[in-house]
């Protein structure tokens, strides 16, 4: 499940960069991803995907440097 989640996020990043998806959509996705990689299961998934080389360095840096938020925005 972790690989599918991160593959989808990486694709959304590409679309937001190259096709002009609304910036707030990508910001919300990054906020969710950042919260997920801080959870125990998410941390394991994240480390595993990084170790297997499925994620680009730019994607990794963008997610890991995104500020951790206590408000995920469920609206």
Protein backbone atom coordinates (compact mmCIF):
# COMPACT_ATOMS: atom_id res chain seq x y z
CA UNK A 1 0.00 0.00 0.00
CA UNK A 2 2.83 2.40 0.76
CA UNK A 3 4.29 2.16 -2.72
CA UNK A 4 0.94 2.91 -4.38
CA UNK A 5 0.36 5.89 -2.10
CA UNK A 6 3.75 7.43 -2.76
CA UNK A 7 3.60 6.69 -6.50
CA UNK A 8 0.30 8.53 -6.66
CA UNK A 9 1.72 11.47 -4.72
CA UNK A 10 4.73 11.65 -6.98
CA UNK A 11 2.41 11.70 -10.00
CA UNK A 12 0.34 14.47 -8.42
CA UNK A 13 3.52 16.46 -7.88
CA UNK A 14 4.40 16.10 -11.55
CA UNK A 15 0.92 17.17 -12.63
CA UNK A 16 0.91 20.16 -10.30
CA UNK A 17 4.29 21.27 -11.64
CA UNK A 18 3.64 20.72 -15.34
CA UNK A 19 -0.08 21.10 -15.92
CA UNK A 20 -1.03 23.85 -13.55
CA UNK A 21 -3.11 22.04 -10.91
CA UNK A 22 -4.30 24.47 -8.27
CA UNK A 23 -1.48 25.05 -5.75
CA UNK A 24 -3.77 24.52 -2.75
CA UNK A 25 -4.47 20.95 -3.91
CA UNK A 26 -0.78 20.03 -3.89
CA UNK A 27 -0.23 21.84 -0.57
CA UNK A 28 -3.01 19.75 1.00
CA UNK A 29 -1.51 16.54 -0.39
CA UNK A 30 1.93 17.46 0.99
CA UNK A 31 0.41 18.18 4.39
CA UNK A 32 -1.23 14.74 4.44
CA UNK A 33 1.96 13.05 3.25
CA UNK A 34 4.07 14.79 5.87
CA UNK A 35 1.68 13.73 8.60
CA UNK A 36 1.67 10.17 7.28
CA UNK A 37 5.47 9.81 7.24
CA UNK A 38 5.54 10.94 10.87
CA UNK A 39 3.26 8.09 11.93
CA UNK A 40 4.94 4.80 12.90
CA UNK A 41 3.60 2.84 9.90
CA UNK A 42 4.12 5.73 7.52
CA UNK A 43 7.73 6.12 8.65
CA UNK A 44 8.39 2.46 7.83
CA UNK A 45 6.72 2.78 4.41
CA UNK A 46 8.62 5.99 3.65
CA UNK A 47 12.02 4.53 4.57
CA UNK A 48 11.29 1.39 2.56
CA UNK A 49 10.31 3.33 -0.57
CA UNK A 50 13.36 5.56 -0.30
CA UNK A 51 15.63 2.54 0.11
CA UNK A 52 14.18 0.83 -2.96
CA UNK A 53 14.81 3.91 -5.09
CA UNK A 54 11.24 4.42 -6.30
CA UNK A 55 11.10 8.07 -5.23
CA UNK A 56 12.93 10.94 -6.88
CA UNK A 57 15.32 13.02 -4.77
CA UNK A 58 13.30 16.19 -5.49
CA UNK A 59 10.09 14.53 -4.31
CA UNK A 60 11.76 13.24 -1.14
CA UNK A 61 13.19 16.65 -0.33
CA UNK A 62 9.88 18.40 -0.92
CA UNK A 63 7.93 16.08 1.37
CA UNK A 64 10.56 15.89 4.12
CA UNK A 65 11.03 19.67 4.27
CA UNK A 66 7.31 20.47 4.23
CA UNK A 67 6.33 21.76 7.69
CA UNK A 68 4.48 19.35 9.92
CA UNK A 69 1.02 20.74 10.62
CA UNK A 70 -1.50 19.93 13.29
CA UNK A 71 -4.30 21.07 10.97
CA UNK A 72 -4.72 18.74 8.02
CA UNK A 73 -7.70 20.53 6.48
CA UNK A 74 -10.52 18.08 6.06
CA UNK A 75 -12.85 20.51 4.29
